[in-house]
Amino acid sequence: MILIIAVVAFLLVTTFFILDASQDQDLSSEISTYLTPFFTETIVKQSFASTPELIWGALTQLSDYNFWFPGVLRLLPVVETDRYVHKYSFDQFKFAPGSEIRLRPISLLITFKGQITVIENNKQLVMELRFNPLHKETVIFNLEPTAEGTSVTCRRSSRGLFSWMTLWGFSKNKSKILDNLGYFIPEQIIEEKADNSSLKDTGPQYS
């Protein structure tokens, strides 16, 4: 029964997405999607006239996610402490691979567990986010310096019978994720290509 429901929903989402995507959209981002019955991926790419450091600062400000990340009502840090007042404190949170976070979606549902899985300072942030009991996404932000500033790619993927939920609302809301993020990035015009040779690269960290 669950399989039948998932297949029917997959077909409906595919149909609605094709109809929605055929409409004109006012986006600054490049978008692409990949959909199969058991795997879905969306990719949004956009360039900003800012340094990777400034964009990284916006991406790691968890308290602002409800303003620009579609579907997120609140993204809370989870702090291991005996004091309840510090349990969801941003000031006490250790932003590192393996750290637990909790996502409250824009719905009547409760919060769901998530995790920061990979951090490569000013280059890559990977998180596992759950939006409902049936659907979990891997969200990857990649930052790449360019002559004009920084190219940012947001890749969201999901596997399983309900992976199609990653595509639900993509054309209308989720495709605007980097457009929304842009309002929280200080603009800095870069006149010449930065010399990255002096930057200290600590390498990727994994949970």
N, C-alpha and C. Protein backbone atom coordinates (compact mmCIF):
# COMPACT_ATOMS: atom_id res chain seq x y z
N MET A 1 0.83 -1.20 0.00
CA MET A 1 0.00 0.00 0.00
C MET A 1 0.87 1.26 0.00
N ILE A 2 1.89 1.27 0.84
CA ILE A 2 2.80 2.42 0.92
C ILE A 2 3.50 2.63 -0.42
N LEU A 3 3.89 1.50 -1.06
CA LEU A 3 4.57 1.58 -2.36
C LEU A 3 3.64 2.21 -3.41
N ILE A 4 2.38 1.80 -3.40
CA ILE A 4 1.41 2.35 -4.37
C ILE A 4 1.24 3.85 -4.15
N ILE A 5 1.11 4.26 -2.89
CA ILE A 5 0.95 5.69 -2.57
C ILE A 5 2.17 6.47 -3.04
N ALA A 6 3.37 5.92 -2.78
CA ALA A 6 4.61 6.60 -3.16
C ALA A 6 4.71 6.76 -4.68
N VAL A 7 4.33 5.71 -5.42
CA VAL A 7 4.41 5.75 -6.88
C VAL A 7 3.42 6.77 -7.45
N VAL A 8 2.19 6.76 -6.92
CA VAL A 8 1.18 7.71 -7.38
C VAL A 8 1.63 9.14 -7.10
N ALA A 9 2.17 9.36 -5.89
CA ALA A 9 2.65 10.69 -5.53
C ALA A 9 3.80 11.12 -6.43
N PHE A 10 4.67 10.18 -6.75
CA PHE A 10 5.80 10.46 -7.65
C PHE A 10 5.31 10.94 -9.00
N LEU A 11 4.30 10.26 -9.54
CA LEU A 11 3.75 10.64 -10.84
C LEU A 11 3.08 12.01 -10.79
N LEU A 12 2.37 12.29 -9.69
CA LEU A 12 1.71 13.58 -9.55
C LEU A 12 2.73 14.71 -9.44
N VAL A 13 3.77 14.48 -8.63
CA VAL A 13 4.80 15.50 -8.46
C VAL A 13 5.50 15.78 -9.78
N THR A 14 5.78 14.73 -10.53
CA THR A 14 6.42 14.90 -11.83
C THR A 14 5.57 15.73 -12.78
N THR A 15 4.27 15.44 -12.80
CA THR A 15 3.35 16.17 -13.67
C THR A 15 3.27 17.64 -13.27
N PHE A 16 3.06 17.88 -11.96
CA PHE A 16 2.94 19.27 -11.49
C PHE A 16 4.24 20.03 -11.70
N PHE A 17 5.37 19.35 -11.54
CA PHE A 17 6.66 20.03 -11.72
C PHE A 17 6.85 20.45 -13.18
N ILE A 18 6.50 19.57 -14.09
CA ILE A 18 6.63 19.91 -15.52
C ILE A 18 5.75 21.11 -15.87
N LEU A 19 4.53 21.13 -15.35
CA LEU A 19 3.63 22.25 -15.63
C LEU A 19 4.15 23.53 -14.99
N ASP A 20 4.66 23.43 -13.78
CA ASP A 20 5.16 24.60 -13.06
C ASP A 20 6.43 25.13 -13.70
N ALA A 21 7.31 24.23 -14.11
CA ALA A 21 8.59 24.63 -14.69
C ALA A 21 8.42 25.28 -16.06
N SER A 22 7.29 25.01 -16.72
CA SER A 22 7.06 25.59 -18.04
C SER A 22 6.69 27.06 -17.97
N GLN A 23 6.37 27.55 -16.75
CA GLN A 23 6.03 28.95 -16.59
C GLN A 23 7.30 29.79 -16.47
N ASP A 24 7.20 31.06 -16.86
CA ASP A 24 8.35 31.95 -16.77
C ASP A 24 8.67 32.23 -15.31
N GLN A 25 9.98 32.22 -14.97
CA GLN A 25 10.42 32.48 -13.62
C GLN A 25 11.48 33.58 -13.64
N ASP A 26 11.40 34.46 -12.64
CA ASP A 26 12.36 35.55 -12.52
C ASP A 26 13.41 35.14 -11.49
N LEU A 27 14.48 34.49 -11.96
CA LEU A 27 15.51 33.98 -11.07
C LEU A 27 16.88 34.47 -11.51
N SER A 28 17.75 34.67 -10.51
CA SER A 28 19.14 34.99 -10.81
C SER A 28 20.00 33.74 -10.83
N SER A 29 19.41 32.61 -10.46
CA SER A 29 20.16 31.36 -10.31
C SER A 29 20.02 30.45 -11.53
N GLU A 30 21.03 29.60 -11.70
CA GLU A 30 20.93 28.50 -12.65
C GLU A 30 20.38 27.30 -11.88
N ILE A 31 19.36 26.63 -12.44
CA ILE A 31 18.75 25.52 -11.73
C ILE A 31 18.70 24.28 -12.61
N SER A 32 18.77 23.12 -11.97
CA SER A 32 18.61 21.85 -12.66
C SER A 32 18.09 20.82 -11.67
N THR A 33 17.43 19.78 -12.19
CA THR A 33 16.86 18.75 -11.34
C THR A 33 17.10 17.37 -11.93
N TYR A 34 17.09 16.38 -11.04
CA TYR A 34 17.22 14.99 -11.46
C TYR A 34 16.24 14.18 -10.64
N LEU A 35 15.35 13.44 -11.32
CA LEU A 35 14.27 12.74 -10.63
C LEU A 35 14.14 11.31 -11.12
N THR A 36 14.17 10.36 -10.18
CA THR A 36 13.87 8.95 -10.44
C THR A 36 12.94 8.49 -9.32
N PRO A 37 12.36 7.30 -9.43
CA PRO A 37 11.45 6.85 -8.36
C PRO A 37 12.10 6.74 -6.98
N PHE A 38 13.44 6.56 -6.91
CA PHE A 38 14.07 6.36 -5.62
C PHE A 38 15.22 7.33 -5.34
N PHE A 39 15.38 8.34 -6.16
CA PHE A 39 16.42 9.33 -5.94
C PHE A 39 16.03 10.64 -6.61
N THR A 40 16.18 11.73 -5.86
CA THR A 40 15.88 13.05 -6.39
C THR A 40 16.98 14.02 -6.00
N GLU A 41 17.33 14.90 -6.92
CA GLU A 41 18.36 15.90 -6.63
C GLU A 41 18.00 17.21 -7.32
N THR A 42 18.19 18.30 -6.60
CA THR A 42 18.02 19.62 -7.18
C THR A 42 19.33 20.39 -7.01
N ILE A 43 19.66 21.21 -8.00
CA ILE A 43 20.90 21.98 -7.98
C ILE A 43 20.57 23.43 -8.32
N VAL A 44 21.00 24.34 -7.45
CA VAL A 44 20.83 25.77 -7.66
C VAL A 44 22.21 26.41 -7.58
N LYS A 45 22.55 27.20 -8.59
CA LYS A 45 23.88 27.82 -8.65
C LYS A 45 23.74 29.31 -8.93
N GLN A 46 24.52 30.11 -8.21
CA GLN A 46 24.46 31.56 -8.39
C GLN A 46 25.80 32.19 -8.02
N SER A 47 26.12 33.30 -8.68
CA SER A 47 27.36 34.02 -8.40
C SER A 47 27.06 35.28 -7.59
N PHE A 48 27.96 35.60 -6.66
CA PHE A 48 27.81 36.77 -5.81
C PHE A 48 29.08 37.61 -5.86
N ALA A 49 28.91 38.92 -5.78
CA ALA A 49 30.06 39.83 -5.76
C ALA A 49 30.55 39.99 -4.33
N SER A 50 30.89 38.88 -3.71
CA SER A 50 31.38 38.87 -2.33
C SER A 50 32.43 37.78 -2.19
N THR A 51 33.23 37.87 -1.15
CA THR A 51 34.26 36.88 -0.90
C THR A 51 33.67 35.61 -0.30
N PRO A 52 34.33 34.47 -0.42
CA PRO A 52 33.85 33.24 0.22
C PRO A 52 33.69 33.41 1.73
N GLU A 53 34.55 34.21 2.36
CA GLU A 53 34.47 34.41 3.81
C GLU A 53 33.15 35.07 4.21
N LEU A 54 32.71 36.07 3.44
CA LEU A 54 31.46 36.74 3.77
C LEU A 54 30.26 35.82 3.57
N ILE A 55 30.30 35.03 2.50
CA ILE A 55 29.20 34.09 2.23
C ILE A 55 29.19 32.98 3.27
N TRP A 56 30.36 32.51 3.64
CA TRP A 56 30.46 31.47 4.67
C TRP A 56 29.87 31.97 5.99
N GLY A 57 30.10 33.23 6.29
CA GLY A 57 29.53 33.79 7.51
C GLY A 57 28.02 33.75 7.51
N ALA A 58 27.40 33.99 6.35
CA ALA A 58 25.94 33.93 6.25
C ALA A 58 25.44 32.50 6.34
N LEU A 59 26.16 31.56 5.72
CA LEU A 59 25.74 30.15 5.74
C LEU A 59 25.83 29.54 7.13
N THR A 60 26.76 29.98 7.93
CA THR A 60 26.96 29.40 9.26
C THR A 60 26.18 30.12 10.35
N GLN A 61 25.39 31.11 9.96
CA GLN A 61 24.54 31.82 10.92
C GLN A 61 23.20 31.10 10.99
N LEU A 62 23.14 30.05 11.79
CA LEU A 62 21.94 29.20 11.85
C LEU A 62 20.69 29.96 12.27
N SER A 63 20.85 30.99 13.06
CA SER A 63 19.68 31.73 13.55
C SER A 63 18.94 32.47 12.44
N ASP A 64 19.57 32.61 11.27
CA ASP A 64 18.92 33.33 10.16
C ASP A 64 18.29 32.40 9.13
N TYR A 65 18.40 31.08 9.29
CA TYR A 65 17.93 30.16 8.26
C TYR A 65 16.42 30.30 8.00
N ASN A 66 15.66 30.63 9.02
CA ASN A 66 14.21 30.76 8.82
C ASN A 66 13.86 31.93 7.91
N PHE A 67 14.80 32.85 7.68
CA PHE A 67 14.54 33.99 6.82
C PHE A 67 14.80 33.70 5.34
N TRP A 68 15.69 32.72 5.05
CA TRP A 68 16.04 32.52 3.64
C TRP A 68 15.96 31.08 3.15
N PHE A 69 15.94 30.10 4.04
CA PHE A 69 15.89 28.69 3.63
C PHE A 69 14.43 28.25 3.53
N PRO A 70 13.90 28.02 2.33
CA PRO A 70 12.49 27.64 2.17
C PRO A 70 12.11 26.40 2.97
N GLY A 71 11.00 26.49 3.68
CA GLY A 71 10.49 25.35 4.44
C GLY A 71 10.96 25.29 5.87
N VAL A 72 11.91 26.15 6.26
CA VAL A 72 12.46 26.13 7.62
C VAL A 72 11.80 27.23 8.45
N LEU A 73 11.10 26.82 9.50
CA LEU A 73 10.53 27.78 10.45
C LEU A 73 11.56 28.15 11.50
N ARG A 74 12.41 27.18 11.86
CA ARG A 74 13.46 27.42 12.85
C ARG A 74 14.51 26.33 12.73
N LEU A 75 15.77 26.72 12.79
CA LEU A 75 16.87 25.76 12.81
C LEU A 75 17.62 25.99 14.11
N LEU A 76 17.57 25.00 14.98
CA LEU A 76 18.09 25.15 16.34
C LEU A 76 19.35 24.33 16.56
N PRO A 77 20.33 24.89 17.25
CA PRO A 77 21.52 24.11 17.65
C PRO A 77 21.18 23.27 18.86
N VAL A 78 21.80 22.13 19.01
CA VAL A 78 21.61 21.28 20.18
C VAL A 78 22.92 21.24 20.96
N VAL A 79 22.85 21.70 22.19
CA VAL A 79 24.04 21.79 23.04
C VAL A 79 23.94 20.75 24.14
N GLU A 80 25.00 19.97 24.32
CA GLU A 80 25.04 18.99 25.40
C GLU A 80 25.33 19.70 26.71
N THR A 81 24.30 19.88 27.52
CA THR A 81 24.43 20.60 28.78
C THR A 81 23.34 20.16 29.73
N ASP A 82 23.59 20.34 31.02
CA ASP A 82 22.60 20.01 32.04
C ASP A 82 21.64 21.17 32.27
N ARG A 83 21.97 22.32 31.75
CA ARG A 83 21.13 23.50 31.93
C ARG A 83 20.22 23.68 30.71
N TYR A 84 18.92 23.64 30.93
CA TYR A 84 17.97 23.74 29.83
C TYR A 84 18.09 25.08 29.11
N VAL A 85 18.43 26.11 29.85
CA VAL A 85 18.51 27.44 29.25
C VAL A 85 19.60 27.51 28.17
N HIS A 86 20.58 26.59 28.23
CA HIS A 86 21.65 26.56 27.24
C HIS A 86 21.48 25.47 26.18
N LYS A 87 20.40 24.67 26.31
CA LYS A 87 20.24 23.51 25.44
C LYS A 87 20.15 23.88 23.96
N TYR A 88 19.52 25.01 23.67
CA TYR A 88 19.38 25.45 22.28
C TYR A 88 20.03 26.83 22.09
N SER A 89 21.13 27.04 22.77
CA SER A 89 21.80 28.33 22.73
C SER A 89 22.77 28.41 21.55
N PHE A 90 22.62 29.42 20.73
CA PHE A 90 23.55 29.61 19.61
C PHE A 90 24.94 29.98 20.12
N ASP A 91 24.99 30.69 21.24
CA ASP A 91 26.28 31.11 21.79
C ASP A 91 27.09 29.93 22.32
N GLN A 92 26.40 28.90 22.80
CA GLN A 92 27.08 27.74 23.39
C GLN A 92 27.33 26.62 22.38
N PHE A 93 26.80 26.77 21.17
CA PHE A 93 26.87 25.70 20.18
C PHE A 93 28.25 25.59 19.57
N LYS A 94 28.72 24.35 19.43
CA LYS A 94 30.00 24.08 18.77
C LYS A 94 29.71 23.70 17.32
N PHE A 95 30.02 24.61 16.41
CA PHE A 95 29.75 24.38 14.99
C PHE A 95 30.85 23.49 14.43
N ALA A 96 30.57 22.18 14.38
CA ALA A 96 31.59 21.21 13.97
C ALA A 96 30.91 19.97 13.40
N PRO A 97 31.63 19.18 12.61
CA PRO A 97 31.07 17.93 12.09
C PRO A 97 30.61 17.02 13.22
N GLY A 98 29.42 16.45 13.05
CA GLY A 98 28.86 15.58 14.08
C GLY A 98 27.92 16.29 15.03
N SER A 99 27.92 17.62 15.00
CA SER A 99 27.05 18.38 15.90
C SER A 99 25.59 18.22 15.47
N GLU A 100 24.73 18.04 16.46
CA GLU A 100 23.31 17.84 16.19
C GLU A 100 22.58 19.16 16.10
N ILE A 101 21.64 19.24 15.18
CA ILE A 101 20.75 20.38 15.06
C ILE A 101 19.32 19.87 14.98
N ARG A 102 18.37 20.77 15.20
CA ARG A 102 16.96 20.38 15.11
C ARG A 102 16.24 21.36 14.19
N LEU A 103 15.42 20.81 13.30
CA LEU A 103 14.71 21.61 12.31
C LEU A 103 13.22 21.59 12.61
N ARG A 104 12.65 22.78 12.71
CA ARG A 104 11.19 22.89 12.83
C ARG A 104 10.67 23.37 11.48
N PRO A 105 9.96 22.51 10.74
CA PRO A 105 9.45 22.90 9.41
C PRO A 105 8.28 23.84 9.53
N ILE A 106 7.92 24.48 8.40
CA ILE A 106 6.76 25.35 8.39
C ILE A 106 5.51 24.48 8.26
N SER A 107 5.11 23.93 9.38
CA SER A 107 3.94 23.06 9.45
C SER A 107 3.59 22.87 10.91
N LEU A 108 2.61 22.03 11.18
CA LEU A 108 2.21 21.75 12.56
C LEU A 108 3.04 20.62 13.17
N LEU A 109 4.01 20.12 12.42
CA LEU A 109 4.82 19.01 12.90
C LEU A 109 5.82 19.47 13.96
N ILE A 110 6.34 18.50 14.71
CA ILE A 110 7.34 18.79 15.73
C ILE A 110 8.70 19.00 15.08
N THR A 111 9.71 19.27 15.90
CA THR A 111 11.05 19.41 15.35
C THR A 111 11.64 18.05 15.02
N PHE A 112 12.59 18.03 14.08
CA PHE A 112 13.23 16.79 13.66
C PHE A 112 14.75 16.92 13.77
N LYS A 113 15.39 15.80 14.06
CA LYS A 113 16.84 15.81 14.22
C LYS A 113 17.56 15.99 12.89
N GLY A 114 18.64 16.72 12.95
CA GLY A 114 19.53 16.88 11.81
C GLY A 114 20.96 16.85 12.30
N GLN A 115 21.89 16.99 11.38
CA GLN A 115 23.30 16.93 11.77
C GLN A 115 24.16 17.67 10.76
N ILE A 116 25.19 18.31 11.29
CA ILE A 116 26.23 18.88 10.43
C ILE A 116 27.24 17.76 10.18
N THR A 117 27.49 17.42 8.93
CA THR A 117 28.34 16.26 8.64
C THR A 117 29.71 16.62 8.09
N VAL A 118 29.81 17.70 7.31
CA VAL A 118 31.09 18.09 6.74
C VAL A 118 31.26 19.60 6.80
N ILE A 119 32.42 20.03 7.23
CA ILE A 119 32.76 21.45 7.22
C ILE A 119 34.14 21.62 6.61
N GLU A 120 34.22 22.42 5.56
CA GLU A 120 35.49 22.83 4.99
C GLU A 120 35.42 24.35 4.89
N ASN A 121 36.05 25.01 5.84
CA ASN A 121 35.88 26.45 6.00
C ASN A 121 35.99 27.23 4.69
N ASN A 122 34.96 28.06 4.46
CA ASN A 122 34.89 28.93 3.29
C ASN A 122 34.79 28.17 1.96
N LYS A 123 34.55 26.84 2.03
CA LYS A 123 34.47 26.04 0.81
C LYS A 123 33.24 25.15 0.75
N GLN A 124 32.97 24.40 1.82
CA GLN A 124 31.85 23.44 1.74
C GLN A 124 31.20 23.24 3.11
N LEU A 125 29.87 23.19 3.08
CA LEU A 125 29.08 22.86 4.26
C LEU A 125 28.06 21.80 3.86
N VAL A 126 28.04 20.69 4.61
CA VAL A 126 27.11 19.59 4.33
C VAL A 126 26.29 19.31 5.58
N MET A 127 24.97 19.22 5.42
CA MET A 127 24.07 18.93 6.53
C MET A 127 23.05 17.87 6.13
N GLU A 128 22.63 17.10 7.12
CA GLU A 128 21.51 16.18 6.95
C GLU A 128 20.31 16.82 7.63
N LEU A 129 19.25 17.09 6.87
CA LEU A 129 18.07 17.75 7.41
C LEU A 129 16.83 16.91 7.16
N ARG A 130 16.00 16.79 8.18
CA ARG A 130 14.74 16.04 8.04
C ARG A 130 13.58 17.03 8.16
N PHE A 131 12.69 17.00 7.13
CA PHE A 131 11.57 17.93 7.09
C PHE A 131 10.26 17.30 7.54
N ASN A 132 10.20 15.98 7.60
CA ASN A 132 9.03 15.26 8.10
C ASN A 132 9.47 13.82 8.39
N PRO A 133 8.60 13.00 8.97
CA PRO A 133 9.01 11.63 9.34
C PRO A 133 9.43 10.76 8.16
N LEU A 134 9.01 11.12 6.94
CA LEU A 134 9.27 10.28 5.77
C LEU A 134 10.40 10.78 4.89
N HIS A 135 10.86 11.97 5.14
CA HIS A 135 11.73 12.63 4.16
C HIS A 135 12.95 13.27 4.82
N LYS A 136 14.14 12.84 4.39
CA LYS A 136 15.39 13.41 4.87
C LYS A 136 16.23 13.83 3.67
N GLU A 137 16.88 14.97 3.76
CA GLU A 137 17.69 15.48 2.66
C GLU A 137 19.14 15.66 3.07
N THR A 138 20.02 15.47 2.10
CA THR A 138 21.41 15.88 2.24
C THR A 138 21.54 17.22 1.53
N VAL A 139 21.93 18.24 2.27
CA VAL A 139 22.05 19.59 1.72
C VAL A 139 23.52 19.98 1.68
N ILE A 140 24.01 20.32 0.50
CA ILE A 140 25.43 20.65 0.31
C ILE A 140 25.55 22.05 -0.27
N PHE A 141 26.33 22.89 0.40
CA PHE A 141 26.68 24.20 -0.12
C PHE A 141 28.16 24.19 -0.50
N ASN A 142 28.45 24.47 -1.76
CA ASN A 142 29.83 24.56 -2.24
C ASN A 142 30.14 26.00 -2.64
N LEU A 143 31.29 26.51 -2.21
CA LEU A 143 31.72 27.86 -2.53
C LEU A 143 33.00 27.80 -3.35
N GLU A 144 33.01 28.52 -4.46
CA GLU A 144 34.18 28.52 -5.34
C GLU A 144 34.53 29.96 -5.72
N PRO A 145 35.74 30.43 -5.37
CA PRO A 145 36.15 31.80 -5.73
C PRO A 145 36.21 31.98 -7.24
N THR A 146 35.79 33.16 -7.69
CA THR A 146 35.85 33.52 -9.10
C THR A 146 36.47 34.91 -9.21
N ALA A 147 36.74 35.33 -10.44
CA ALA A 147 37.32 36.66 -10.64
C ALA A 147 36.35 37.75 -10.21
N GLU A 148 35.04 37.48 -10.31
CA GLU A 148 34.03 38.47 -9.95
C GLU A 148 33.58 38.37 -8.50
N GLY A 149 33.92 37.30 -7.82
CA GLY A 149 33.48 37.12 -6.44
C GLY A 149 33.48 35.66 -6.04
N THR A 150 32.29 35.09 -5.88
CA THR A 150 32.17 33.69 -5.45
C THR A 150 30.98 33.03 -6.12
N SER A 151 31.19 31.81 -6.62
CA SER A 151 30.11 31.00 -7.16
C SER A 151 29.62 30.05 -6.07
N VAL A 152 28.33 30.05 -5.80
CA VAL A 152 27.75 29.20 -4.75
C VAL A 152 26.81 28.19 -5.38
N THR A 153 26.97 26.94 -5.01
CA THR A 153 26.09 25.87 -5.49
C THR A 153 25.41 25.21 -4.31
N CYS A 154 24.08 25.11 -4.37
CA CYS A 154 23.31 24.40 -3.36
C CYS A 154 22.77 23.12 -3.99
N ARG A 155 23.20 21.99 -3.46
CA ARG A 155 22.77 20.69 -3.98
C ARG A 155 21.98 19.98 -2.88
N ARG A 156 20.73 19.63 -3.20
CA ARG A 156 19.88 18.93 -2.23
C ARG A 156 19.45 17.60 -2.83
N SER A 157 19.65 16.51 -2.09
CA SER A 157 19.32 15.18 -2.60
C SER A 157 18.65 14.33 -1.54
N SER A 158 17.89 13.36 -2.00
CA SER A 158 17.18 12.46 -1.10
C SER A 158 17.00 11.11 -1.77
N ARG A 159 17.03 10.05 -0.97
CA ARG A 159 16.86 8.69 -1.48
C ARG A 159 15.68 8.01 -0.79
N GLY A 160 15.08 7.04 -1.50
CA GLY A 160 13.99 6.27 -0.91
C GLY A 160 12.67 6.49 -1.61
N LEU A 161 11.62 5.83 -1.09
CA LEU A 161 10.30 5.91 -1.70
C LEU A 161 9.76 7.33 -1.75
N PHE A 162 10.13 8.14 -0.76
CA PHE A 162 9.59 9.50 -0.67
C PHE A 162 10.62 10.56 -1.04
N SER A 163 11.61 10.17 -1.82
CA SER A 163 12.64 11.11 -2.25
C SER A 163 12.07 12.24 -3.11
N TRP A 164 10.92 11.99 -3.77
CA TRP A 164 10.30 13.00 -4.62
C TRP A 164 9.92 14.26 -3.85
N MET A 165 9.84 14.16 -2.53
CA MET A 165 9.48 15.33 -1.73
C MET A 165 10.52 16.44 -1.84
N THR A 166 11.75 16.08 -2.24
CA THR A 166 12.78 17.10 -2.45
C THR A 166 12.37 18.04 -3.56
N LEU A 167 11.61 17.53 -4.53
CA LEU A 167 11.18 18.33 -5.68
C LEU A 167 9.90 19.10 -5.41
N TRP A 168 9.19 18.72 -4.36
CA TRP A 168 7.91 19.34 -4.06
C TRP A 168 8.13 20.83 -3.72
N GLY A 169 7.52 21.70 -4.48
CA GLY A 169 7.65 23.13 -4.26
C GLY A 169 8.94 23.74 -4.77
N PHE A 170 9.70 22.99 -5.59
CA PHE A 170 11.00 23.49 -6.04
C PHE A 170 10.86 24.73 -6.92
N SER A 171 10.03 24.66 -7.94
CA SER A 171 9.90 25.77 -8.88
C SER A 171 9.38 27.03 -8.20
N LYS A 172 8.48 26.86 -7.24
CA LYS A 172 7.84 28.02 -6.61
C LYS A 172 8.69 28.61 -5.50
N ASN A 173 9.31 27.77 -4.65
CA ASN A 173 10.01 28.27 -3.48
C ASN A 173 11.47 27.85 -3.38
N LYS A 174 11.72 26.55 -3.47
CA LYS A 174 13.06 26.05 -3.18
C LYS A 174 14.12 26.55 -4.17
N SER A 175 13.71 26.81 -5.41
CA SER A 175 14.67 27.29 -6.40
C SER A 175 15.16 28.70 -6.09
N LYS A 176 14.49 29.39 -5.19
CA LYS A 176 14.86 30.77 -4.83
C LYS A 176 15.79 30.82 -3.62
N ILE A 177 16.31 29.69 -3.18
CA ILE A 177 17.09 29.64 -1.94
C ILE A 177 18.30 30.56 -1.98
N LEU A 178 19.03 30.59 -3.09
CA LEU A 178 20.22 31.44 -3.16
C LEU A 178 19.85 32.90 -3.43
N ASP A 179 18.75 33.13 -4.12
CA ASP A 179 18.24 34.50 -4.24
C ASP A 179 17.95 35.06 -2.85
N ASN A 180 17.32 34.23 -2.01
CA ASN A 180 17.00 34.66 -0.64
C ASN A 180 18.28 34.89 0.17
N LEU A 181 19.22 33.96 0.04
CA LEU A 181 20.48 34.08 0.79
C LEU A 181 21.21 35.37 0.45
N GLY A 182 21.08 35.81 -0.80
CA GLY A 182 21.78 37.00 -1.24
C GLY A 182 21.49 38.24 -0.41
N TYR A 183 20.29 38.31 0.18
CA TYR A 183 19.94 39.46 1.01
C TYR A 183 20.73 39.51 2.31
N PHE A 184 21.36 38.40 2.68
CA PHE A 184 22.10 38.33 3.94
C PHE A 184 23.61 38.32 3.73
N ILE A 185 24.03 38.52 2.48
CA ILE A 185 25.46 38.54 2.16
C ILE A 185 25.90 39.97 1.89
N PRO A 186 26.84 40.49 2.66
CA PRO A 186 27.36 41.83 2.38
C PRO A 186 28.03 41.85 1.01
N GLU A 187 27.66 42.81 0.20
CA GLU A 187 28.23 42.88 -1.14
C GLU A 187 29.60 43.54 -1.12
N GLN A 188 30.53 42.93 -1.80
CA GLN A 188 31.88 43.45 -1.87
C GLN A 188 32.38 43.27 -3.30
N ILE A 189 32.58 44.35 -3.98
CA ILE A 189 33.05 44.29 -5.36
C ILE A 189 34.54 43.94 -5.37
N ILE A 190 34.87 42.88 -6.07
CA ILE A 190 36.26 42.43 -6.13
C ILE A 190 36.86 42.88 -7.46
N GLU A 191 37.85 43.74 -7.41
CA GLU A 191 38.42 44.33 -8.62
C GLU A 191 39.43 43.43 -9.28
N GLU A 192 40.10 42.61 -8.51
CA GLU A 192 41.06 41.69 -9.08
C GLU A 192 41.00 40.37 -8.35
N LYS A 193 41.46 39.32 -8.99
CA LYS A 193 41.38 37.99 -8.43
C LYS A 193 42.22 37.90 -7.17
N ALA A 194 41.60 37.36 -6.11
CA ALA A 194 42.30 37.28 -4.84
C ALA A 194 43.43 36.28 -4.91
N ASP A 195 44.48 36.56 -4.16
CA ASP A 195 45.60 35.64 -4.08
C ASP A 195 45.34 34.66 -2.96
N ASN A 196 45.00 33.42 -3.30
CA ASN A 196 44.64 32.43 -2.29
C ASN A 196 45.85 31.70 -1.72
N SER A 197 47.04 32.03 -2.21
CA SER A 197 48.22 31.30 -1.77
C SER A 197 48.53 31.51 -0.31
N SER A 198 48.08 32.66 0.25
CA SER A 198 48.38 32.96 1.64
C SER A 198 47.32 32.47 2.60
N LEU A 199 46.21 31.95 2.05
CA LEU A 199 45.14 31.47 2.91
C LEU A 199 45.50 30.11 3.50
N LYS A 200 45.20 29.98 4.76
CA LYS A 200 45.49 28.72 5.43
C LYS A 200 44.38 27.74 5.19
N ASP A 201 44.68 26.58 4.64
CA ASP A 201 43.68 25.56 4.31
C ASP A 201 43.81 24.43 5.29
N THR A 202 42.81 24.30 6.16
CA THR A 202 42.85 23.24 7.17
C THR A 202 42.34 21.92 6.64
N GLY A 203 41.79 21.94 5.40
CA GLY A 203 41.27 20.69 4.83
C GLY A 203 39.89 20.38 5.32
N PRO A 204 39.20 19.48 4.67
CA PRO A 204 37.82 19.13 5.07
C PRO A 204 37.79 18.38 6.39
N GLN A 205 36.67 18.54 7.09
CA GLN A 205 36.44 17.81 8.33
C GLN A 205 35.20 16.95 8.14
N TYR A 206 35.23 15.77 8.68
CA TYR A 206 34.10 14.84 8.52
C TYR A 206 33.66 14.32 9.87
N SER A 207 32.37 14.04 9.95
CA SER A 207 31.85 13.48 11.20
C SER A 207 32.05 11.97 11.20
